[in-house]
Amino acid sequence: MRRKRVLVTGGAGFLGSFLCERLLAKGNEVVCVDNFFTGTRDNIASMHGDHRFELLRHDITFPLFVEVDEIYNLACPASPIHYQFDPVQTTKTSVHGAINMLGLAKRTGAKILQASTSEIYGDPEVHPQSEDYWGRVNPIGPRSCYDEGKRCAETLFFDYWRQHQLSIKVARIFNTYGPRMQPDDGRVVSNFILQALRGDPITIYGDGMQTRSFCFVDDLIEGLIRLMASPDDVTGPVNLGNPVEFTMFGLAEAVIKLTGSKSRIEHRPLPKDDPRQRKPDIGLAKRLLDWEPTVPLEEGLRRTVSYFRDLIDRGELHA
């Protein structure tokens, strides 16, 4: 069987680097594309010696000309701190990036997967969120560059599917955590862990009763690979996330316990348009992909704590 050549945009990022590793382990050639806005060379250092791995420094808002069999489009800053830094560029990455990658897929005949997001659902009125829910999104708020950019990318994917019969896959990714998360990205898991390890106050926004569902990175990558390998009539969108719900207060207590920290909890005002609840209905993923998360939160948190503790011990993060 001919070896596949697979393109991963955002391949030096948190999710992208794990995906590149898994694809190489399955015997593929991997073309990793990243502009290093949030991705890092450290994330992909272990792959540099593999002759089947190729790194291209490139911004997908500009066209890319390569020959590939499959495309995983993961490129886009995904934390509020980073996507709000340059909101116009965030929208361009989602929209122009999708157009450029879809154009590449059309030219090469490649199958293409879009890493969409649970932010599609906004601050939902339906709980849990299933793929047929259209969402409740503020189109002009500070988070809109990401939310609406990803919604428009989904529109483009389905229009290319209808108009050009492109083989598409759309994954709606819910909160994912694990090693290689950026320490300064403002996400709740990395925030809580670093605050606990440093003995700083753990900052909870609002009353702490808002909920999230946390999926460990290994489980998420398995879901993406299964979705890409699914039959052509499985286009998605498909929710990929953990349906077990945790309050922010409960997460903070779990992190304090795991780290043995003496940090106290400090409450701050809730940011604008921050959703109160977020939980995926993964019935479709179970049925179509035979997929569901297997890593419990405590185990995933332990592995993530170990990663950040190692960075501090090596002097790569200040204690």
C-alpha atoms as a PDB file:
ATOM      1  CA  MET A   1       0.000   0.000   0.000  1.00  0.00           C
ATOM      2  CA  ARG A   2       1.314   3.434  -0.962  1.00  0.00           C
ATOM      3  CA  ARG A   3       2.438   5.601   1.953  1.00  0.00           C
ATOM      4  CA  LYS A   4       0.176   8.634   2.481  1.00  0.00           C
ATOM      5  CA  ARG A   5       1.550  12.153   2.470  1.00  0.00           C
ATOM      6  CA  VAL A   6      -0.369  14.125   5.082  1.00  0.00           C
ATOM      7  CA  LEU A   7      -0.369  17.902   5.627  1.00  0.00           C
ATOM      8  CA  VAL A   8      -0.997  19.247   9.136  1.00  0.00           C
ATOM      9  CA  THR A   9      -1.474  23.015   9.380  1.00  0.00           C
ATOM     10  CA  GLY A  10      -0.707  24.329  12.851  1.00  0.00           C
ATOM     11  CA  GLY A  11       1.465  21.239  13.154  1.00  0.00           C
ATOM     12  CA  ALA A  12       3.872  22.752  15.703  1.00  0.00           C
ATOM     13  CA  GLY A  13       1.039  23.651  18.065  1.00  0.00           C
ATOM     14  CA  PHE A  14      -0.369  21.819  21.072  1.00  0.00           C
ATOM     15  CA  LEU A  15      -2.743  19.522  19.170  1.00  0.00           C
ATOM     16  CA  GLY A  16      -0.872  19.594  15.871  1.00  0.00           C
ATOM     17  CA  SER A  17       2.384  18.243  17.264  1.00  0.00           C
ATOM     18  CA  PHE A  18       0.688  15.240  18.867  1.00  0.00           C
ATOM     19  CA  LEU A  19      -1.187  14.627  15.617  1.00  0.00           C
ATOM     20  CA  CYS A  20       2.062  14.732  13.603  1.00  0.00           C
ATOM     21  CA  GLU A  21       3.601  12.161  15.966  1.00  0.00           C
ATOM     22  CA  ARG A  22       0.631   9.819  15.637  1.00  0.00           C
ATOM     23  CA  LEU A  23       0.587  10.118  11.849  1.00  0.00           C
ATOM     24  CA  LEU A  24       4.305   9.322  11.644  1.00  0.00           C
ATOM     25  CA  ALA A  25       3.821   6.346  13.957  1.00  0.00           C
ATOM     26  CA  LYS A  26       1.188   5.034  11.542  1.00  0.00           C
ATOM     27  CA  GLY A  27       3.769   5.074   8.706  1.00  0.00           C
ATOM     28  CA  ASN A  28       2.726   8.264   6.905  1.00  0.00           C
ATOM     29  CA  GLU A  29       4.845  11.074   5.507  1.00  0.00           C
ATOM     30  CA  VAL A  30       3.978  14.279   7.348  1.00  0.00           C
ATOM     31  CA  VAL A  31       4.256  17.868   6.131  1.00  0.00           C
ATOM     32  CA  CYS A  32       4.022  20.154   9.168  1.00  0.00           C
ATOM     33  CA  VAL A  33       3.046  23.748   8.351  1.00  0.00           C
ATOM     34  CA  ASP A  34       3.197  26.478  11.002  1.00  0.00           C
ATOM     35  CA  ASN A  35       3.905  30.210  11.209  1.00  0.00           C
ATOM     36  CA  PHE A  36       5.009  29.843  14.867  1.00  0.00           C
ATOM     37  CA  PHE A  37       2.622  32.461  16.235  1.00  0.00           C
ATOM     38  CA  THR A  38       1.559  30.021  18.978  1.00  0.00           C
ATOM     39  CA  GLY A  39       3.341  26.821  17.876  1.00  0.00           C
ATOM     40  CA  THR A  40       6.913  26.099  18.996  1.00  0.00           C
ATOM     41  CA  ARG A  41       9.885  24.187  17.615  1.00  0.00           C
ATOM     42  CA  ASP A  42      10.209  22.397  20.949  1.00  0.00           C
ATOM     43  CA  ASN A  43       6.873  20.657  20.322  1.00  0.00           C
ATOM     44  CA  ILE A  44       8.177  19.003  17.155  1.00  0.00           C
ATOM     45  CA  ALA A  45      11.859  18.560  18.123  1.00  0.00           C
ATOM     46  CA  SER A  46      11.505  14.770  18.504  1.00  0.00           C
ATOM     47  CA  MET A  47      10.439  14.425  14.850  1.00  0.00           C
ATOM     48  CA  HIS A  48      13.231  16.375  13.148  1.00  0.00           C
ATOM     49  CA  GLY A  49      15.411  13.306  12.648  1.00  0.00           C
ATOM     50  CA  ASP A  50      12.672  11.381  10.838  1.00  0.00           C
ATOM     51  CA  HIS A  51      13.138  11.489   7.054  1.00  0.00           C
ATOM     52  CA  ARG A  52       9.342  11.241   6.636  1.00  0.00           C
ATOM     53  CA  PHE A  53       8.823  14.534   8.493  1.00  0.00           C
ATOM     54  CA  GLU A  54       9.012  17.884   6.711  1.00  0.00           C
ATOM     55  CA  LEU A  55       8.593  21.320   8.309  1.00  0.00           C
ATOM     56  CA  LEU A  56       7.425  24.359   6.347  1.00  0.00           C
ATOM     57  CA  ARG A  57       7.270  27.790   7.963  1.00  0.00           C
ATOM     58  CA  HIS A  58       4.208  29.257   6.294  1.00  0.00           C
ATOM     59  CA  ASP A  59       1.112  31.337   7.063  1.00  0.00           C
ATOM     60  CA  ILE A  60      -1.982  29.678   5.560  1.00  0.00           C
ATOM     61  CA  THR A  61      -3.593  33.039   4.826  1.00  0.00           C
ATOM     62  CA  PHE A  62      -1.323  32.767   1.766  1.00  0.00           C
ATOM     63  CA  PRO A  63      -1.712  29.953  -0.792  1.00  0.00           C
ATOM     64  CA  LEU A  64       0.408  26.827  -0.396  1.00  0.00           C
ATOM     65  CA  PHE A  65       1.505  24.582  -3.257  1.00  0.00           C
ATOM     66  CA  VAL A  66       2.360  21.035  -2.172  1.00  0.00           C
ATOM     67  CA  GLU A  67       1.264  17.542  -3.201  1.00  0.00           C
ATOM     68  CA  VAL A  68      -0.608  15.705  -0.434  1.00  0.00           C
ATOM     69  CA  ASP A  69      -3.244  13.000   0.068  1.00  0.00           C
ATOM     70  CA  GLU A  70      -4.845  14.312   3.259  1.00  0.00           C
ATOM     71  CA  ILE A  71      -5.040  17.690   5.005  1.00  0.00           C
ATOM     72  CA  TYR A  72      -5.725  18.351   8.682  1.00  0.00           C
ATOM     73  CA  ASN A  73      -6.459  22.084   9.009  1.00  0.00           C
ATOM     74  CA  LEU A  74      -5.623  22.938  12.633  1.00  0.00           C
ATOM     75  CA  ALA A  75      -4.020  26.362  12.106  1.00  0.00           C
ATOM     76  CA  CYS A  76      -5.573  29.100  14.249  1.00  0.00           C
ATOM     77  CA  PRO A  77      -4.796  30.522  17.694  1.00  0.00           C
ATOM     78  CA  ALA A  78      -7.335  28.904  20.003  1.00  0.00           C
ATOM     79  CA  SER A  79      -7.077  30.706  23.346  1.00  0.00           C
ATOM     80  CA  PRO A  80      -8.699  34.120  23.955  1.00  0.00           C
ATOM     81  CA  ILE A  81      -5.366  35.769  24.870  1.00  0.00           C
ATOM     82  CA  HIS A  82      -3.870  34.780  21.523  1.00  0.00           C
ATOM     83  CA  TYR A  83      -6.859  35.090  19.183  1.00  0.00           C
ATOM     84  CA  GLN A  84      -7.774  38.515  20.607  1.00  0.00           C
ATOM     85  CA  PHE A  85      -4.187  39.794  20.189  1.00  0.00           C
ATOM     86  CA  ASP A  86      -4.852  40.418  16.470  1.00  0.00           C
ATOM     87  CA  PRO A  87      -8.541  39.683  15.883  1.00  0.00           C
ATOM     88  CA  VAL A  88      -8.458  40.617  12.183  1.00  0.00           C
ATOM     89  CA  GLN A  89      -5.627  38.164  11.586  1.00  0.00           C
ATOM     90  CA  THR A  90      -7.555  35.508  13.553  1.00  0.00           C
ATOM     91  CA  THR A  91     -10.534  35.875  11.218  1.00  0.00           C
ATOM     92  CA  LYS A  92      -8.225  35.807   8.201  1.00  0.00           C
ATOM     93  CA  THR A  93      -6.612  32.591   9.439  1.00  0.00           C
ATOM     94  CA  SER A  94      -9.992  30.901   9.795  1.00  0.00           C
ATOM     95  CA  VAL A  95     -11.540  32.221   6.583  1.00  0.00           C
ATOM     96  CA  HIS A  96      -8.683  32.845   4.119  1.00  0.00           C
ATOM     97  CA  GLY A  97      -6.901  29.822   5.562  1.00  0.00           C
ATOM     98  CA  ALA A  98      -9.919  27.610   4.931  1.00  0.00           C
ATOM     99  CA  ILE A  99     -10.255  28.924   1.357  1.00  0.00           C
ATOM    100  CA  ASN A 100      -6.565  28.255   0.653  1.00  0.00           C
ATOM    101  CA  MET A 101      -6.602  24.752   2.157  1.00  0.00           C
ATOM    102  CA  LEU A 102      -9.864  23.857   0.403  1.00  0.00           C
ATOM    103  CA  GLY A 103      -8.359  25.101  -2.861  1.00  0.00           C
ATOM    104  CA  LEU A 104      -5.330  22.882  -2.263  1.00  0.00           C
ATOM    105  CA  ALA A 105      -7.588  19.908  -1.531  1.00  0.00           C
ATOM    106  CA  LYS A 106      -9.563  20.573  -4.694  1.00  0.00           C
ATOM    107  CA  ARG A 107      -6.418  20.717  -6.831  1.00  0.00           C
ATOM    108  CA  THR A 108      -4.791  17.607  -5.341  1.00  0.00           C
ATOM    109  CA  GLY A 109      -7.935  15.558  -4.719  1.00  0.00           C
ATOM    110  CA  ALA A 110      -6.997  15.348  -1.023  1.00  0.00           C
ATOM    111  CA  LYS A 111      -9.388  14.532   1.775  1.00  0.00           C
ATOM    112  CA  ILE A 112      -9.543  17.499   4.182  1.00  0.00           C
ATOM    113  CA  LEU A 113     -10.477  17.810   7.862  1.00  0.00           C
ATOM    114  CA  GLN A 114     -11.367  21.085   9.559  1.00  0.00           C
ATOM    115  CA  ALA A 115     -10.578  21.487  13.252  1.00  0.00           C
ATOM    116  CA  SER A 116     -13.663  23.452  14.239  1.00  0.00           C
ATOM    117  CA  THR A 117     -14.659  24.251  17.798  1.00  0.00           C
ATOM    118  CA  SER A 118     -17.329  24.050  20.471  1.00  0.00           C
ATOM    119  CA  GLU A 119     -17.285  27.874  20.333  1.00  0.00           C
ATOM    120  CA  ILE A 120     -19.595  27.374  17.334  1.00  0.00           C
ATOM    121  CA  TYR A 121     -22.329  26.937  19.968  1.00  0.00           C
ATOM    122  CA  GLY A 122     -21.505  30.202  21.787  1.00  0.00           C
ATOM    123  CA  ASP A 123     -23.267  30.584  25.151  1.00  0.00           C
ATOM    124  CA  PRO A 124     -25.713  27.736  24.535  1.00  0.00           C
ATOM    125  CA  GLU A 125     -29.414  27.582  25.367  1.00  0.00           C
ATOM    126  CA  VAL A 126     -29.337  23.805  24.766  1.00  0.00           C
ATOM    127  CA  HIS A 127     -27.515  21.414  27.092  1.00  0.00           C
ATOM    128  CA  PRO A 128     -25.679  19.225  26.248  1.00  0.00           C
ATOM    129  CA  GLN A 129     -24.810  20.528  22.773  1.00  0.00           C
ATOM    130  CA  SER A 130     -25.486  18.255  19.808  1.00  0.00           C
ATOM    131  CA  GLU A 131     -24.406  18.885  16.225  1.00  0.00           C
ATOM    132  CA  ASP A 132     -27.884  19.951  15.091  1.00  0.00           C
ATOM    133  CA  TYR A 133     -27.876  22.937  17.492  1.00  0.00           C
ATOM    134  CA  TRP A 134     -27.094  26.157  15.575  1.00  0.00           C
ATOM    135  CA  GLY A 135     -25.667  28.036  18.532  1.00  0.00           C
ATOM    136  CA  ARG A 136     -26.063  31.395  20.254  1.00  0.00           C
ATOM    137  CA  VAL A 137     -23.096  33.544  19.258  1.00  0.00           C
ATOM    138  CA  ASN A 138     -22.498  37.274  19.602  1.00  0.00           C
ATOM    139  CA  PRO A 139     -21.300  38.338  16.105  1.00  0.00           C
ATOM    140  CA  ILE A 140     -19.752  41.653  17.272  1.00  0.00           C
ATOM    141  CA  GLY A 141     -18.148  40.830  20.624  1.00  0.00           C
ATOM    142  CA  PRO A 142     -14.476  40.417  21.595  1.00  0.00           C
ATOM    143  CA  ARG A 143     -14.617  36.639  21.005  1.00  0.00           C
ATOM    144  CA  SER A 144     -16.361  36.945  17.629  1.00  0.00           C
ATOM    145  CA  CYS A 145     -13.171  36.853  15.551  1.00  0.00           C
ATOM    146  CA  TYR A 146     -12.678  33.239  16.634  1.00  0.00           C
ATOM    147  CA  ASP A 147     -16.306  32.093  16.973  1.00  0.00           C
ATOM    148  CA  GLU A 148     -17.546  33.572  13.701  1.00  0.00           C
ATOM    149  CA  GLY A 149     -14.296  32.794  11.871  1.00  0.00           C
ATOM    150  CA  LYS A 150     -14.734  29.111  12.692  1.00  0.00           C
ATOM    151  CA  ARG A 151     -18.437  29.229  11.792  1.00  0.00           C
ATOM    152  CA  CYS A 152     -17.589  30.752   8.401  1.00  0.00           C
ATOM    153  CA  ALA A 153     -14.914  28.082   7.849  1.00  0.00           C
ATOM    154  CA  GLU A 154     -17.562  25.398   8.378  1.00  0.00           C
ATOM    155  CA  THR A 155     -19.771  27.159   5.812  1.00  0.00           C
ATOM    156  CA  LEU A 156     -16.919  27.129   3.300  1.00  0.00           C
ATOM    157  CA  PHE A 157     -16.212  23.437   3.886  1.00  0.00           C
ATOM    158  CA  PHE A 158     -19.816  22.459   3.234  1.00  0.00           C
ATOM    159  CA  ASP A 159     -20.077  24.731   0.198  1.00  0.00           C
ATOM    160  CA  TYR A 160     -16.958  23.102  -1.304  1.00  0.00           C
ATOM    161  CA  TRP A 161     -18.516  19.714  -0.528  1.00  0.00           C
ATOM    162  CA  ARG A 162     -21.784  20.646  -2.267  1.00  0.00           C
ATOM    163  CA  GLN A 163     -20.266  22.628  -5.145  1.00  0.00           C
ATOM    164  CA  HIS A 164     -17.082  20.639  -5.858  1.00  0.00           C
ATOM    165  CA  GLN A 165     -17.844  17.233  -4.267  1.00  0.00           C
ATOM    166  CA  LEU A 166     -14.780  17.589  -2.061  1.00  0.00           C
ATOM    167  CA  SER A 167     -14.217  14.891   0.572  1.00  0.00           C
ATOM    168  CA  ILE A 168     -14.553  16.881   3.817  1.00  0.00           C
ATOM    169  CA  LYS A 169     -14.570  16.164   7.549  1.00  0.00           C
ATOM    170  CA  VAL A 170     -15.525  18.718  10.233  1.00  0.00           C
ATOM    171  CA  ALA A 171     -14.656  18.088  13.894  1.00  0.00           C
ATOM    172  CA  ARG A 172     -16.055  20.337  16.621  1.00  0.00           C
ATOM    173  CA  ILE A 173     -13.404  20.196  19.327  1.00  0.00           C
ATOM    174  CA  PHE A 174     -14.356  20.792  22.969  1.00  0.00           C
ATOM    175  CA  ASN A 175     -11.907  21.797  25.726  1.00  0.00           C
ATOM    176  CA  THR A 176      -8.744  19.735  25.333  1.00  0.00           C
ATOM    177  CA  TYR A 177      -5.785  19.698  27.708  1.00  0.00           C
ATOM    178  CA  GLY A 178      -2.477  17.924  28.229  1.00  0.00           C
ATOM    179  CA  PRO A 179       1.296  18.333  27.965  1.00  0.00           C
ATOM    180  CA  ARG A 180       2.541  21.029  25.536  1.00  0.00           C
ATOM    181  CA  MET A 181      -0.233  23.465  26.401  1.00  0.00           C
ATOM    182  CA  GLN A 182       1.260  26.929  26.328  1.00  0.00           C
ATOM    183  CA  PRO A 183       1.835  28.225  29.848  1.00  0.00           C
ATOM    184  CA  ASP A 184       0.719  31.772  28.979  1.00  0.00           C
ATOM    185  CA  ASP A 185      -2.385  31.047  26.922  1.00  0.00           C
ATOM    186  CA  GLY A 186      -4.928  31.843  29.637  1.00  0.00           C
ATOM    187  CA  ARG A 187      -6.679  28.461  29.441  1.00  0.00           C
ATOM    188  CA  VAL A 188      -8.127  27.226  32.676  1.00  0.00           C
ATOM    189  CA  VAL A 189      -6.195  23.940  33.050  1.00  0.00           C
ATOM    190  CA  SER A 190      -2.742  25.420  32.428  1.00  0.00           C
ATOM    191  CA  ASN A 191      -3.629  28.513  34.493  1.00  0.00           C
ATOM    192  CA  PHE A 192      -4.739  26.493  37.519  1.00  0.00           C
ATOM    193  CA  ILE A 193      -1.769  24.094  37.358  1.00  0.00           C
ATOM    194  CA  LEU A 194       0.854  26.830  37.128  1.00  0.00           C
ATOM    195  CA  GLN A 195      -0.785  28.926  39.824  1.00  0.00           C
ATOM    196  CA  ALA A 196      -0.884  25.862  42.102  1.00  0.00           C
ATOM    197  CA  LEU A 197       2.727  24.867  41.403  1.00  0.00           C
ATOM    198  CA  ARG A 198       3.890  28.409  42.149  1.00  0.00           C
ATOM    199  CA  GLY A 199       1.724  28.762  45.255  1.00  0.00           C
ATOM    200  CA  ASP A 200      -0.110  31.720  43.712  1.00  0.00           C
ATOM    201  CA  PRO A 201      -3.847  32.309  44.255  1.00  0.00           C
ATOM    202  CA  ILE A 202      -5.963  30.232  41.851  1.00  0.00           C
ATOM    203  CA  THR A 203      -8.141  32.687  39.941  1.00  0.00           C
ATOM    204  CA  ILE A 204     -11.730  31.654  39.283  1.00  0.00           C
ATOM    205  CA  TYR A 205     -13.847  33.958  37.139  1.00  0.00           C
ATOM    206  CA  GLY A 206     -17.403  34.371  38.359  1.00  0.00           C
ATOM    207  CA  ASP A 207     -18.797  32.113  41.087  1.00  0.00           C
ATOM    208  CA  GLY A 208     -16.936  29.027  39.854  1.00  0.00           C
ATOM    209  CA  MET A 209     -20.144  27.127  39.140  1.00  0.00           C
ATOM    210  CA  GLN A 210     -19.795  27.482  35.347  1.00  0.00           C
ATOM    211  CA  THR A 211     -18.950  24.119  33.781  1.00  0.00           C
ATOM    212  CA  ARG A 212     -16.574  22.752  31.171  1.00  0.00           C
ATOM    213  CA  SER A 213     -15.832  19.286  29.851  1.00  0.00           C
ATOM    214  CA  PHE A 214     -12.147  18.386  29.596  1.00  0.00           C
ATOM    215  CA  CYS A 215     -10.792  15.927  27.044  1.00  0.00           C
ATOM    216  CA  PHE A 216      -7.203  14.652  27.297  1.00  0.00           C
ATOM    217  CA  VAL A 217      -5.136  15.284  24.167  1.00  0.00           C
ATOM    218  CA  ASP A 218      -4.502  11.572  23.397  1.00  0.00           C
ATOM    219  CA  ASP A 219      -8.243  10.914  23.220  1.00  0.00           C
ATOM    220  CA  LEU A 220      -8.853  13.939  20.999  1.00  0.00           C
ATOM    221  CA  ILE A 221      -6.131  12.947  18.503  1.00  0.00           C
ATOM    222  CA  GLU A 222      -7.597   9.445  18.273  1.00  0.00           C
ATOM    223  CA  GLY A 223     -10.963  11.026  17.436  1.00  0.00           C
ATOM    224  CA  LEU A 224      -9.481  13.182  14.668  1.00  0.00           C
ATOM    225  CA  ILE A 225      -7.716  10.191  13.090  1.00  0.00           C
ATOM    226  CA  ARG A 226     -10.871   8.066  13.217  1.00  0.00           C
ATOM    227  CA  LEU A 227     -12.911  10.872  11.657  1.00  0.00           C
ATOM    228  CA  MET A 228     -10.404  11.253   8.806  1.00  0.00           C
ATOM    229  CA  ALA A 229     -10.494   7.481   8.209  1.00  0.00           C
ATOM    230  CA  SER A 230     -14.308   7.357   8.155  1.00  0.00           C
ATOM    231  CA  PRO A 231     -16.260   6.737   4.912  1.00  0.00           C
ATOM    232  CA  ASP A 232     -16.739   9.671   2.515  1.00  0.00           C
ATOM    233  CA  ASP A 233     -20.412  10.019   3.427  1.00  0.00           C
ATOM    234  CA  VAL A 234     -19.378  10.915   7.007  1.00  0.00           C
ATOM    235  CA  THR A 235     -18.734  14.648   6.655  1.00  0.00           C
ATOM    236  CA  GLY A 236     -19.597  15.807  10.156  1.00  0.00           C
ATOM    237  CA  PRO A 237     -19.778  18.086  11.923  1.00  0.00           C
ATOM    238  CA  VAL A 238     -18.923  15.650  14.722  1.00  0.00           C
ATOM    239  CA  ASN A 239     -18.448  16.696  18.352  1.00  0.00           C
ATOM    240  CA  LEU A 240     -15.174  15.478  19.873  1.00  0.00           C
ATOM    241  CA  GLY A 241     -14.860  16.061  23.590  1.00  0.00           C
ATOM    242  CA  ASN A 242     -15.460  14.599  27.012  1.00  0.00           C
ATOM    243  CA  PRO A 243     -19.126  14.505  28.111  1.00  0.00           C
ATOM    244  CA  VAL A 244     -18.193  14.443  31.810  1.00  0.00           C
ATOM    245  CA  GLU A 245     -18.882  17.920  33.198  1.00  0.00           C
ATOM    246  CA  PHE A 246     -16.838  19.725  35.865  1.00  0.00           C
ATOM    247  CA  THR A 247     -17.328  23.077  37.583  1.00  0.00           C
ATOM    248  CA  MET A 248     -14.410  25.491  37.643  1.00  0.00           C
ATOM    249  CA  PHE A 249     -14.429  25.253  41.440  1.00  0.00           C
ATOM    250  CA  GLY A 250     -14.233  21.449  41.266  1.00  0.00           C
ATOM    251  CA  LEU A 251     -11.340  21.623  38.797  1.00  0.00           C
ATOM    252  CA  ALA A 252      -9.443  24.043  41.050  1.00  0.00           C
ATOM    253  CA  GLU A 253      -9.865  21.708  44.032  1.00  0.00           C
ATOM    254  CA  ALA A 254      -8.643  18.719  41.963  1.00  0.00           C
ATOM    255  CA  VAL A 255      -5.530  20.617  40.859  1.00  0.00           C
ATOM    256  CA  ILE A 256      -4.747  21.760  44.425  1.00  0.00           C
ATOM    257  CA  LYS A 257      -5.026  18.168  45.638  1.00  0.00           C
ATOM    258  CA  LEU A 258      -2.830  16.736  42.853  1.00  0.00           C
ATOM    259  CA  THR A 259      -0.089  19.342  43.251  1.00  0.00           C
ATOM    260  CA  GLY A 260      -0.152  19.406  47.055  1.00  0.00           C
ATOM    261  CA  SER A 261      -0.387  23.179  46.765  1.00  0.00           C
ATOM    262  CA  LYS A 262      -1.322  25.602  49.524  1.00  0.00           C
ATOM    263  CA  SER A 263      -2.834  28.030  46.994  1.00  0.00           C
ATOM    264  CA  ARG A 264      -6.091  29.692  47.958  1.00  0.00           C
ATOM    265  CA  ILE A 265      -8.957  30.371  45.538  1.00  0.00           C
ATOM    266  CA  GLU A 266      -9.551  33.983  44.438  1.00  0.00           C
ATOM    267  CA  HIS A 267     -12.694  35.096  42.566  1.00  0.00           C
ATOM    268  CA  ARG A 268     -12.693  37.654  39.739  1.00  0.00           C
ATOM    269  CA  PRO A 269     -15.435  39.064  37.442  1.00  0.00           C
ATOM    270  CA  LEU A 270     -16.624  36.822  34.607  1.00  0.00           C
ATOM    271  CA  PRO A 271     -15.317  37.918  31.149  1.00  0.00           C
ATOM    272  CA  LYS A 272     -17.782  39.168  28.520  1.00  0.00           C
ATOM    273  CA  ASP A 273     -19.575  36.411  26.516  1.00  0.00           C
ATOM    274  CA  ASP A 274     -17.956  33.637  28.569  1.00  0.00           C
ATOM    275  CA  PRO A 275     -20.339  30.644  28.297  1.00  0.00           C
ATOM    276  CA  ARG A 276     -21.890  29.323  31.531  1.00  0.00           C
ATOM    277  CA  GLN A 277     -22.079  25.717  30.341  1.00  0.00           C
ATOM    278  CA  ARG A 278     -20.233  23.621  27.796  1.00  0.00           C
ATOM    279  CA  LYS A 279     -20.771  19.884  27.386  1.00  0.00           C
ATOM    280  CA  PRO A 280     -20.738  17.815  24.195  1.00  0.00           C
ATOM    281  CA  ASP A 281     -23.317  15.282  23.140  1.00  0.00           C
ATOM    282  CA  ILE A 282     -20.964  12.673  21.613  1.00  0.00           C
ATOM    283  CA  GLY A 283     -23.635  10.227  20.461  1.00  0.00           C
ATOM    284  CA  LEU A 284     -22.683  10.813  16.821  1.00  0.00           C
ATOM    285  CA  ALA A 285     -18.968  10.136  17.457  1.00  0.00           C
ATOM    286  CA  LYS A 286     -19.848   6.940  19.332  1.00  0.00           C
ATOM    287  CA  ARG A 287     -22.108   5.742  16.535  1.00  0.00           C
ATOM    288  CA  LEU A 288     -20.062   6.748  13.478  1.00  0.00           C
ATOM    289  CA  LEU A 289     -16.490   6.490  14.798  1.00  0.00           C
ATOM    290  CA  ASP A 290     -16.835   4.072  17.733  1.00  0.00           C
ATOM    291  CA  TRP A 291     -15.054   6.789  19.721  1.00  0.00           C
ATOM    292  CA  GLU A 292     -15.315   8.098  23.250  1.00  0.00           C
ATOM    293  CA  PRO A 293     -12.711   9.442  25.705  1.00  0.00           C
ATOM    294  CA  THR A 294     -10.904   6.873  27.870  1.00  0.00           C
ATOM    295  CA  VAL A 295      -8.508   8.989  29.991  1.00  0.00           C
ATOM    296  CA  PRO A 296     -10.066  10.070  33.332  1.00  0.00           C
ATOM    297  CA  LEU A 297      -9.568  13.702  34.378  1.00  0.00           C
ATOM    298  CA  GLU A 298      -7.364  12.786  37.364  1.00  0.00           C
ATOM    299  CA  GLU A 299      -4.945  10.781  35.188  1.00  0.00           C
ATOM    300  CA  GLY A 300      -4.824  13.460  32.487  1.00  0.00           C
ATOM    301  CA  LEU A 301      -4.269  16.209  35.056  1.00  0.00           C
ATOM    302  CA  ARG A 302      -1.468  14.168  36.674  1.00  0.00           C
ATOM    303  CA  ARG A 303       0.344  13.879  33.326  1.00  0.00           C
ATOM    304  CA  THR A 304      -0.161  17.589  32.629  1.00  0.00           C
ATOM    305  CA  VAL A 305       1.054  18.605  36.090  1.00  0.00           C
ATOM    306  CA  SER A 306       4.157  16.447  35.541  1.00  0.00           C
ATOM    307  CA  TYR A 307       4.860  18.248  32.243  1.00  0.00           C
ATOM    308  CA  PHE A 308       4.667  21.723  33.770  1.00  0.00           C
ATOM    309  CA  ARG A 309       6.608  20.668  36.871  1.00  0.00           C
ATOM    310  CA  ASP A 310       9.419  19.406  34.600  1.00  0.00           C
ATOM    311  CA  LEU A 311       9.499  22.759  32.754  1.00  0.00           C
ATOM    312  CA  ILE A 312       9.866  24.577  36.090  1.00  0.00           C
ATOM    313  CA  ASP A 313      12.546  22.142  37.312  1.00  0.00           C
ATOM    314  CA  ARG A 314      14.541  22.651  34.092  1.00  0.00           C
ATOM    315  CA  GLY A 315      14.327  26.421  34.479  1.00  0.00           C
ATOM    316  CA  GLU A 316      12.237  26.862  31.322  1.00  0.00           C
ATOM    317  CA  LEU A 317       9.432  28.405  33.420  1.00  0.00           C
ATOM    318  CA  HIS A 318       9.890  30.515  36.531  1.00  0.00           C
ATOM    319  CA  ALA A 319       8.767  28.910  39.747  1.00  0.00           C
END
